[in-house]
Amino acid sequence: MTRAELVKTFQEATQLPANQAQEYLERFGDIAAAELLGGGEVPLPGVGKLVIKKRAARKGRNPKTGEPLNIPAKKALTVNLSKDFKESFN
């Protein structure tokens, strides 16, 4: 789904004018980003929640040369799916 398709689908579902639907989705994105960067979680009703998880540093191996290397610690965005959503596509 493209951004334009998302705006159109949201606009049709809410019966809002297209420019207002786009503004609402942009504000949601801003709010979600701020919450995630602040260490919080963002619920997505019917789907699950967005969470930022910390990954520890670890040792890895270059698959081409076999040389060992260190992979630094980092943060990654993950989606924790709701039980109902997970069951619906399995």
PDB file of N, CA and C in Angstrom:
ATOM      1  N   MET A   1       0.850  -1.173   0.000  1.00  0.00           N
ATOM      2  CA  MET A   1       0.000   0.000   0.000  1.00  0.00           C
ATOM      3  C   MET A   1       0.891   1.229   0.000  1.00  0.00           C
ATOM      4  N   THR A   2       0.606   2.139  -0.885  1.00  0.00           N
ATOM      5  CA  THR A   2       1.360   3.386  -0.929  1.00  0.00           C
ATOM      6  C   THR A   2       0.768   4.392   0.061  1.00  0.00           C
ATOM      7  N   ARG A   3       1.489   5.465   0.270  1.00  0.00           N
ATOM      8  CA  ARG A   3       0.998   6.511   1.173  1.00  0.00           C
ATOM      9  C   ARG A   3      -0.315   7.101   0.650  1.00  0.00           C
ATOM     10  N   ALA A   4      -0.389   7.339  -0.661  1.00  0.00           N
ATOM     11  CA  ALA A   4      -1.604   7.896  -1.260  1.00  0.00           C
ATOM     12  C   ALA A   4      -2.780   6.938  -1.094  1.00  0.00           C
ATOM     13  N   GLU A   5      -2.529   5.650  -1.251  1.00  0.00           N
ATOM     14  CA  GLU A   5      -3.595   4.660  -1.068  1.00  0.00           C
ATOM     15  C   GLU A   5      -4.060   4.625   0.380  1.00  0.00           C
ATOM     16  N   LEU A   6      -3.121   4.753   1.313  1.00  0.00           N
ATOM     17  CA  LEU A   6      -3.481   4.780   2.732  1.00  0.00           C
ATOM     18  C   LEU A   6      -4.352   5.991   3.040  1.00  0.00           C
ATOM     19  N   VAL A   7      -3.965   7.153   2.537  1.00  0.00           N
ATOM     20  CA  VAL A   7      -4.750   8.371   2.765  1.00  0.00           C
ATOM     21  C   VAL A   7      -6.147   8.207   2.169  1.00  0.00           C
ATOM     22  N   LYS A   8      -6.228   7.670   0.958  1.00  0.00           N
ATOM     23  CA  LYS A   8      -7.524   7.493   0.302  1.00  0.00           C
ATOM     24  C   LYS A   8      -8.409   6.515   1.070  1.00  0.00           C
ATOM     25  N   THR A   9      -7.843   5.403   1.511  1.00  0.00           N
ATOM     26  CA  THR A   9      -8.600   4.411   2.273  1.00  0.00           C
ATOM     27  C   THR A   9      -9.073   4.989   3.596  1.00  0.00           C
ATOM     28  N   PHE A  10      -8.197   5.730   4.285  1.00  0.00           N
ATOM     29  CA  PHE A  10      -8.558   6.370   5.548  1.00  0.00           C
ATOM     30  C   PHE A  10      -9.652   7.412   5.324  1.00  0.00           C
ATOM     31  N   GLN A  11      -9.511   8.166   4.262  1.00  0.00           N
ATOM     32  CA  GLN A  11     -10.491   9.205   3.939  1.00  0.00           C
ATOM     33  C   GLN A  11     -11.857   8.588   3.665  1.00  0.00           C
ATOM     34  N   GLU A  12     -11.893   7.494   2.917  1.00  0.00           N
ATOM     35  CA  GLU A  12     -13.161   6.830   2.614  1.00  0.00           C
ATOM     36  C   GLU A  12     -13.781   6.208   3.866  1.00  0.00           C
ATOM     37  N   ALA A  13     -12.946   5.652   4.739  1.00  0.00           N
ATOM     38  CA  ALA A  13     -13.450   5.004   5.949  1.00  0.00           C
ATOM     39  C   ALA A  13     -13.996   6.006   6.956  1.00  0.00           C
ATOM     40  N   THR A  14     -13.432   7.212   6.985  1.00  0.00           N
ATOM     41  CA  THR A  14     -13.845   8.207   7.976  1.00  0.00           C
ATOM     42  C   THR A  14     -14.748   9.291   7.412  1.00  0.00           C
ATOM     43  N   GLN A  15     -14.907   9.315   6.102  1.00  0.00           N
ATOM     44  CA  GLN A  15     -15.722  10.330   5.428  1.00  0.00           C
ATOM     45  C   GLN A  15     -15.182  11.748   5.664  1.00  0.00           C
ATOM     46  N   LEU A  16     -13.866  11.847   5.839  1.00  0.00           N
ATOM     47  CA  LEU A  16     -13.225  13.148   6.001  1.00  0.00           C
ATOM     48  C   LEU A  16     -12.785  13.672   4.638  1.00  0.00           C
ATOM     49  N   PRO A  17     -12.624  14.987   4.499  1.00  0.00           N
ATOM     50  CA  PRO A  17     -12.029  15.509   3.268  1.00  0.00           C
ATOM     51  C   PRO A  17     -10.595  14.975   3.130  1.00  0.00           C
ATOM     52  N   ALA A  18     -10.117  14.805   1.911  1.00  0.00           N
ATOM     53  CA  ALA A  18      -8.810  14.192   1.655  1.00  0.00           C
ATOM     54  C   ALA A  18      -7.676  14.926   2.368  1.00  0.00           C
ATOM     55  N   ASN A  19      -7.699  16.264   2.342  1.00  0.00           N
ATOM     56  CA  ASN A  19      -6.604  16.999   2.984  1.00  0.00           C
ATOM     57  C   ASN A  19      -6.628  16.823   4.503  1.00  0.00           C
ATOM     58  N   GLN A  20      -7.799  16.712   5.077  1.00  0.00           N
ATOM     59  CA  GLN A  20      -7.907  16.514   6.524  1.00  0.00           C
ATOM     60  C   GLN A  20      -7.471  15.096   6.899  1.00  0.00           C
ATOM     61  N   ALA A  21      -7.820  14.111   6.086  1.00  0.00           N
ATOM     62  CA  ALA A  21      -7.399  12.735   6.339  1.00  0.00           C
ATOM     63  C   ALA A  21      -5.880  12.638   6.295  1.00  0.00           C
ATOM     64  N   GLN A  22      -5.255  13.293   5.325  1.00  0.00           N
ATOM     65  CA  GLN A  22      -3.803  13.282   5.223  1.00  0.00           C
ATOM     66  C   GLN A  22      -3.172  13.950   6.438  1.00  0.00           C
ATOM     67  N   GLU A  23      -3.734  15.054   6.881  1.00  0.00           N
ATOM     68  CA  GLU A  23      -3.223  15.758   8.060  1.00  0.00           C
ATOM     69  C   GLU A  23      -3.314  14.876   9.304  1.00  0.00           C
ATOM     70  N   TYR A  24      -4.430  14.167   9.487  1.00  0.00           N
ATOM     71  CA  TYR A  24      -4.592  13.283  10.643  1.00  0.00           C
ATOM     72  C   TYR A  24      -3.536  12.179  10.634  1.00  0.00           C
ATOM     73  N   LEU A  25      -3.302  11.580   9.472  1.00  0.00           N
ATOM     74  CA  LEU A  25      -2.310  10.519   9.385  1.00  0.00           C
ATOM     75  C   LEU A  25      -0.895  11.054   9.652  1.00  0.00           C
ATOM     76  N   GLU A  26      -0.599  12.246   9.175  1.00  0.00           N
ATOM     77  CA  GLU A  26       0.706  12.848   9.444  1.00  0.00           C
ATOM     78  C   GLU A  26       0.885  13.131  10.930  1.00  0.00           C
ATOM     79  N   ARG A  27      -0.154  13.637  11.585  1.00  0.00           N
ATOM     80  CA  ARG A  27      -0.083  13.902  13.025  1.00  0.00           C
ATOM     81  C   ARG A  27       0.104  12.603  13.792  1.00  0.00           C
ATOM     82  N   PHE A  28      -0.596  11.527  13.366  1.00  0.00           N
ATOM     83  CA  PHE A  28      -0.430  10.222  14.024  1.00  0.00           C
ATOM     84  C   PHE A  28       1.026   9.778  13.906  1.00  0.00           C
ATOM     85  N   GLY A  29       1.619   9.938  12.733  1.00  0.00           N
ATOM     86  CA  GLY A  29       3.019   9.574  12.540  1.00  0.00           C
ATOM     87  C   GLY A  29       3.936  10.357  13.456  1.00  0.00           C
ATOM     88  N   ASP A  30       3.683  11.653  13.597  1.00  0.00           N
ATOM     89  CA  ASP A  30       4.491  12.492  14.476  1.00  0.00           C
ATOM     90  C   ASP A  30       4.370  12.047  15.933  1.00  0.00           C
ATOM     91  N   ILE A  31       3.151  11.765  16.353  1.00  0.00           N
ATOM     92  CA  ILE A  31       2.905  11.332  17.731  1.00  0.00           C
ATOM     93  C   ILE A  31       3.567   9.982  17.993  1.00  0.00           C
ATOM     94  N   ALA A  32       3.435   9.055  17.049  1.00  0.00           N
ATOM     95  CA  ALA A  32       4.026   7.721  17.199  1.00  0.00           C
ATOM     96  C   ALA A  32       5.544   7.819  17.274  1.00  0.00           C
ATOM     97  N   ALA A  33       6.159   8.611  16.402  1.00  0.00           N
ATOM     98  CA  ALA A  33       7.612   8.759  16.413  1.00  0.00           C
ATOM     99  C   ALA A  33       8.095   9.349  17.731  1.00  0.00           C
ATOM    100  N   ALA A  34       7.407  10.379  18.216  1.00  0.00           N
ATOM    101  CA  ALA A  34       7.798  11.007  19.484  1.00  0.00           C
ATOM    102  C   ALA A  34       7.694  10.015  20.637  1.00  0.00           C
ATOM    103  N   GLU A  35       6.637   9.235  20.659  1.00  0.00           N
ATOM    104  CA  GLU A  35       6.446   8.252  21.731  1.00  0.00           C
ATOM    105  C   GLU A  35       7.530   7.179  21.685  1.00  0.00           C
ATOM    106  N   LEU A  36       7.841   6.676  20.497  1.00  0.00           N
ATOM    107  CA  LEU A  36       8.862   5.639  20.365  1.00  0.00           C
ATOM    108  C   LEU A  36      10.251   6.172  20.726  1.00  0.00           C
ATOM    109  N   LEU A  37      10.571   7.373  20.280  1.00  0.00           N
ATOM    110  CA  LEU A  37      11.870   7.957  20.604  1.00  0.00           C
ATOM    111  C   LEU A  37      11.990   8.259  22.097  1.00  0.00           C
ATOM    112  N   GLY A  38      10.863   8.466  22.756  1.00  0.00           N
ATOM    113  CA  GLY A  38      10.857   8.702  24.190  1.00  0.00           C
ATOM    114  C   GLY A  38      10.874   7.423  25.010  1.00  0.00           C
ATOM    115  N   GLY A  39      10.938   6.271  24.350  1.00  0.00           N
ATOM    116  CA  GLY A  39      11.010   4.999  25.065  1.00  0.00           C
ATOM    117  C   GLY A  39       9.679   4.327  25.286  1.00  0.00           C
ATOM    118  N   GLY A  40       8.613   4.853  24.730  1.00  0.00           N
ATOM    119  CA  GLY A  40       7.294   4.270  24.931  1.00  0.00           C
ATOM    120  C   GLY A  40       6.916   3.263  23.864  1.00  0.00           C
ATOM    121  N   GLU A  41       5.664   2.852  23.895  1.00  0.00           N
ATOM    122  CA  GLU A  41       5.086   1.910  22.942  1.00  0.00           C
ATOM    123  C   GLU A  41       3.924   2.590  22.247  1.00  0.00           C
ATOM    124  N   VAL A  42       3.632   2.161  21.015  1.00  0.00           N
ATOM    125  CA  VAL A  42       2.517   2.721  20.263  1.00  0.00           C
ATOM    126  C   VAL A  42       1.550   1.587  19.920  1.00  0.00           C
ATOM    127  N   PRO A  43       0.343   1.603  20.488  1.00  0.00           N
ATOM    128  CA  PRO A  43      -0.622   0.547  20.168  1.00  0.00           C
ATOM    129  C   PRO A  43      -1.232   0.759  18.779  1.00  0.00           C
ATOM    130  N   LEU A  44      -1.408  -0.322  18.064  1.00  0.00           N
ATOM    131  CA  LEU A  44      -2.101  -0.306  16.774  1.00  0.00           C
ATOM    132  C   LEU A  44      -3.306  -1.223  16.931  1.00  0.00           C
ATOM    133  N   PRO A  45      -4.475  -0.671  17.223  1.00  0.00           N
ATOM    134  CA  PRO A  45      -5.653  -1.492  17.496  1.00  0.00           C
ATOM    135  C   PRO A  45      -5.913  -2.517  16.393  1.00  0.00           C
ATOM    136  N   GLY A  46      -6.124  -3.754  16.822  1.00  0.00           N
ATOM    137  CA  GLY A  46      -6.400  -4.832  15.892  1.00  0.00           C
ATOM    138  C   GLY A  46      -5.161  -5.458  15.288  1.00  0.00           C
ATOM    139  N   VAL A  47      -3.977  -4.865  15.524  1.00  0.00           N
ATOM    140  CA  VAL A  47      -2.732  -5.380  14.936  1.00  0.00           C
ATOM    141  C   VAL A  47      -1.733  -5.764  16.024  1.00  0.00           C
ATOM    142  N   GLY A  48      -1.455  -4.874  16.939  1.00  0.00           N
ATOM    143  CA  GLY A  48      -0.473  -5.121  17.988  1.00  0.00           C
ATOM    144  C   GLY A  48       0.078  -3.808  18.491  1.00  0.00           C
ATOM    145  N   LYS A  49       1.404  -3.765  18.733  1.00  0.00           N
ATOM    146  CA  LYS A  49       2.011  -2.518  19.176  1.00  0.00           C
ATOM    147  C   LYS A  49       3.430  -2.410  18.642  1.00  0.00           C
ATOM    148  N   LEU A  50       3.850  -1.172  18.413  1.00  0.00           N
ATOM    149  CA  LEU A  50       5.208  -0.876  17.984  1.00  0.00           C
ATOM    150  C   LEU A  50       6.062  -0.636  19.224  1.00  0.00           C
ATOM    151  N   VAL A  51       7.252  -1.219  19.241  1.00  0.00           N
ATOM    152  CA  VAL A  51       8.146  -1.112  20.388  1.00  0.00           C
ATOM    153  C   VAL A  51       9.573  -0.982  19.864  1.00  0.00           C
ATOM    154  N   ILE A  52      10.396  -0.191  20.550  1.00  0.00           N
ATOM    155  CA  ILE A  52      11.821  -0.137  20.231  1.00  0.00           C
ATOM    156  C   ILE A  52      12.531  -1.050  21.224  1.00  0.00           C
ATOM    157  N   LYS A  53      13.283  -2.030  20.690  1.00  0.00           N
ATOM    158  CA  LYS A  53      14.020  -2.972  21.537  1.00  0.00           C
ATOM    159  C   LYS A  53      15.512  -2.724  21.382  1.00  0.00           C
ATOM    160  N   LYS A  54      16.235  -2.961  22.463  1.00  0.00           N
ATOM    161  CA  LYS A  54      17.688  -2.838  22.431  1.00  0.00           C
ATOM    162  C   LYS A  54      18.282  -4.196  22.080  1.00  0.00           C
ATOM    163  N   ARG A  55      19.233  -4.186  21.153  1.00  0.00           N
ATOM    164  CA  ARG A  55      19.961  -5.403  20.797  1.00  0.00           C
ATOM    165  C   ARG A  55      21.364  -5.292  21.367  1.00  0.00           C
ATOM    166  N   ALA A  56      21.807  -6.326  22.039  1.00  0.00           N
ATOM    167  CA  ALA A  56      23.132  -6.326  22.647  1.00  0.00           C
ATOM    168  C   ALA A  56      24.210  -6.484  21.578  1.00  0.00           C
ATOM    169  N   ALA A  57      25.406  -6.029  21.903  1.00  0.00           N
ATOM    170  CA  ALA A  57      26.546  -6.244  21.007  1.00  0.00           C
ATOM    171  C   ALA A  57      26.829  -7.742  20.971  1.00  0.00           C
ATOM    172  N   ARG A  58      27.328  -8.205  19.835  1.00  0.00           N
ATOM    173  CA  ARG A  58      27.611  -9.638  19.711  1.00  0.00           C
ATOM    174  C   ARG A  58      28.712  -9.855  18.689  1.00  0.00           C
ATOM    175  N   LYS A  59      29.223 -11.070  18.684  1.00  0.00           N
ATOM    176  CA  LYS A  59      30.250 -11.436  17.715  1.00  0.00           C
ATOM    177  C   LYS A  59      29.566 -12.069  16.516  1.00  0.00           C
ATOM    178  N   GLY A  60      30.069 -11.752  15.345  1.00  0.00           N
ATOM    179  CA  GLY A  60      29.526 -12.314  14.127  1.00  0.00           C
ATOM    180  C   GLY A  60      30.649 -12.799  13.240  1.00  0.00           C
ATOM    181  N   ARG A  61      30.292 -13.179  12.023  1.00  0.00           N
ATOM    182  CA  ARG A  61      31.276 -13.680  11.089  1.00  0.00           C
ATOM    183  C   ARG A  61      30.915 -13.181   9.696  1.00  0.00           C
ATOM    184  N   ASN A  62      31.903 -12.682   8.968  1.00  0.00           N
ATOM    185  CA  ASN A  62      31.698 -12.258   7.601  1.00  0.00           C
ATOM    186  C   ASN A  62      31.420 -13.520   6.776  1.00  0.00           C
ATOM    187  N   PRO A  63      30.239 -13.629   6.152  1.00  0.00           N
ATOM    188  CA  PRO A  63      29.908 -14.863   5.439  1.00  0.00           C
ATOM    189  C   PRO A  63      30.793 -15.100   4.203  1.00  0.00           C
ATOM    190  N   LYS A  64      31.350 -14.044   3.650  1.00  0.00           N
ATOM    191  CA  LYS A  64      32.175 -14.192   2.444  1.00  0.00           C
ATOM    192  C   LYS A  64      33.587 -14.683   2.775  1.00  0.00           C
ATOM    193  N   THR A  65      34.182 -14.088   3.817  1.00  0.00           N
ATOM    194  CA  THR A  65      35.577 -14.417   4.145  1.00  0.00           C
ATOM    195  C   THR A  65      35.706 -15.326   5.361  1.00  0.00           C
ATOM    196  N   GLY A  66      34.658 -15.416   6.173  1.00  0.00           N
ATOM    197  CA  GLY A  66      34.729 -16.217   7.388  1.00  0.00           C
ATOM    198  C   GLY A  66      35.424 -15.495   8.531  1.00  0.00           C
ATOM    199  N   GLU A  67      35.824 -14.255   8.302  1.00  0.00           N
ATOM    200  CA  GLU A  67      36.520 -13.465   9.311  1.00  0.00           C
ATOM    201  C   GLU A  67      35.583 -13.093  10.464  1.00  0.00           C
ATOM    202  N   PRO A  68      36.015 -13.255  11.713  1.00  0.00           N
ATOM    203  CA  PRO A  68      35.173 -12.832  12.835  1.00  0.00           C
ATOM    204  C   PRO A  68      35.096 -11.298  12.905  1.00  0.00           C
ATOM    205  N   LEU A  69      33.965 -10.788  13.372  1.00  0.00           N
ATOM    206  CA  LEU A  69      33.802  -9.345  13.527  1.00  0.00           C
ATOM    207  C   LEU A  69      32.863  -9.060  14.679  1.00  0.00           C
ATOM    208  N   ASN A  70      32.958  -7.841  15.190  1.00  0.00           N
ATOM    209  CA  ASN A  70      32.093  -7.419  16.292  1.00  0.00           C
ATOM    210  C   ASN A  70      30.921  -6.636  15.730  1.00  0.00           C
ATOM    211  N   ILE A  71      29.719  -7.016  16.138  1.00  0.00           N
ATOM    212  CA  ILE A  71      28.509  -6.303  15.738  1.00  0.00           C
ATOM    213  C   ILE A  71      28.114  -5.426  16.919  1.00  0.00           C
ATOM    214  N   PRO A  72      28.050  -4.105  16.726  1.00  0.00           N
ATOM    215  CA  PRO A  72      27.760  -3.207  17.852  1.00  0.00           C
ATOM    216  C   PRO A  72      26.303  -3.308  18.320  1.00  0.00           C
ATOM    217  N   ALA A  73      26.088  -2.861  19.550  1.00  0.00           N
ATOM    218  CA  ALA A  73      24.733  -2.800  20.098  1.00  0.00           C
ATOM    219  C   ALA A  73      23.942  -1.750  19.331  1.00  0.00           C
ATOM    220  N   LYS A  74      22.641  -1.952  19.217  1.00  0.00           N
ATOM    221  CA  LYS A  74      21.792  -0.963  18.553  1.00  0.00           C
ATOM    222  C   LYS A  74      20.356  -1.137  18.999  1.00  0.00           C
ATOM    223  N   LYS A  75      19.529  -0.210  18.574  1.00  0.00           N
ATOM    224  CA  LYS A  75      18.092  -0.274  18.847  1.00  0.00           C
ATOM    225  C   LYS A  75      17.377  -0.604  17.547  1.00  0.00           C
ATOM    226  N   ALA A  76      16.274  -1.355  17.651  1.00  0.00           N
ATOM    227  CA  ALA A  76      15.523  -1.741  16.460  1.00  0.00           C
ATOM    228  C   ALA A  76      14.030  -1.626  16.743  1.00  0.00           C
ATOM    229  N   LEU A  77      13.294  -1.199  15.738  1.00  0.00           N
ATOM    230  CA  LEU A  77      11.838  -1.108  15.834  1.00  0.00           C
ATOM    231  C   LEU A  77      11.249  -2.487  15.583  1.00  0.00           C
ATOM    232  N   THR A  78      10.366  -2.928  16.472  1.00  0.00           N
ATOM    233  CA  THR A  78       9.714  -4.222  16.303  1.00  0.00           C
ATOM    234  C   THR A  78       8.205  -4.047  16.437  1.00  0.00           C
ATOM    235  N   VAL A  79       7.481  -5.016  15.917  1.00  0.00           N
ATOM    236  CA  VAL A  79       6.031  -5.038  16.037  1.00  0.00           C
ATOM    237  C   VAL A  79       5.662  -6.272  16.840  1.00  0.00           C
ATOM    238  N   ASN A  80       5.026  -6.068  17.979  1.00  0.00           N
ATOM    239  CA  ASN A  80       4.492  -7.177  18.766  1.00  0.00           C
ATOM    240  C   ASN A  80       3.052  -7.383  18.323  1.00  0.00           C
ATOM    241  N   LEU A  81       2.801  -8.480  17.616  1.00  0.00           N
ATOM    242  CA  LEU A  81       1.464  -8.732  17.082  1.00  0.00           C
ATOM    243  C   LEU A  81       0.509  -9.185  18.172  1.00  0.00           C
ATOM    244  N   SER A  82      -0.755  -8.772  18.039  1.00  0.00           N
ATOM    245  CA  SER A  82      -1.771  -9.219  18.976  1.00  0.00           C
ATOM    246  C   SER A  82      -2.096 -10.683  18.693  1.00  0.00           C
ATOM    247  N   LYS A  83      -2.581 -11.365  19.692  1.00  0.00           N
ATOM    248  CA  LYS A  83      -2.894 -12.786  19.565  1.00  0.00           C
ATOM    249  C   LYS A  83      -3.924 -13.025  18.460  1.00  0.00           C
ATOM    250  N   ASP A  84      -4.984 -12.220  18.429  1.00  0.00           N
ATOM    251  CA  ASP A  84      -6.034 -12.397  17.423  1.00  0.00           C
ATOM    252  C   ASP A  84      -5.510 -12.180  16.014  1.00  0.00           C
ATOM    253  N   PHE A  85      -4.676 -11.158  15.832  1.00  0.00           N
ATOM    254  CA  PHE A  85      -4.134 -10.861  14.505  1.00  0.00           C
ATOM    255  C   PHE A  85      -3.208 -11.983  14.050  1.00  0.00           C
ATOM    256  N   LYS A  86      -2.365 -12.449  14.960  1.00  0.00           N
ATOM    257  CA  LYS A  86      -1.433 -13.520  14.640  1.00  0.00           C
ATOM    258  C   LYS A  86      -2.185 -14.792  14.227  1.00  0.00           C
ATOM    259  N   GLU A  87      -3.252 -15.102  14.948  1.00  0.00           N
ATOM    260  CA  GLU A  87      -4.043 -16.298  14.630  1.00  0.00           C
ATOM    261  C   GLU A  87      -4.796 -16.159  13.320  1.00  0.00           C
ATOM    262  N   SER A  88      -5.145 -14.935  12.930  1.00  0.00           N
ATOM    263  CA  SER A  88      -5.934 -14.736  11.723  1.00  0.00           C
ATOM    264  C   SER A  88      -5.167 -15.045  10.441  1.00  0.00           C
ATOM    265  N   PHE A  89      -3.832 -14.943  10.463  1.00  0.00           N
ATOM    266  CA  PHE A  89      -3.114 -15.248   9.224  1.00  0.00           C
ATOM    267  C   PHE A  89      -2.334 -16.548   9.301  1.00  0.00           C
ATOM    268  N   ASN A  90      -2.413 -17.281  10.392  1.00  0.00           N
ATOM    269  CA  ASN A  90      -1.764 -18.597  10.492  1.00  0.00           C
ATOM    270  C   ASN A  90      -2.731 -19.690  10.168  1.00  0.00           C
TER     271      ASN A  90
END
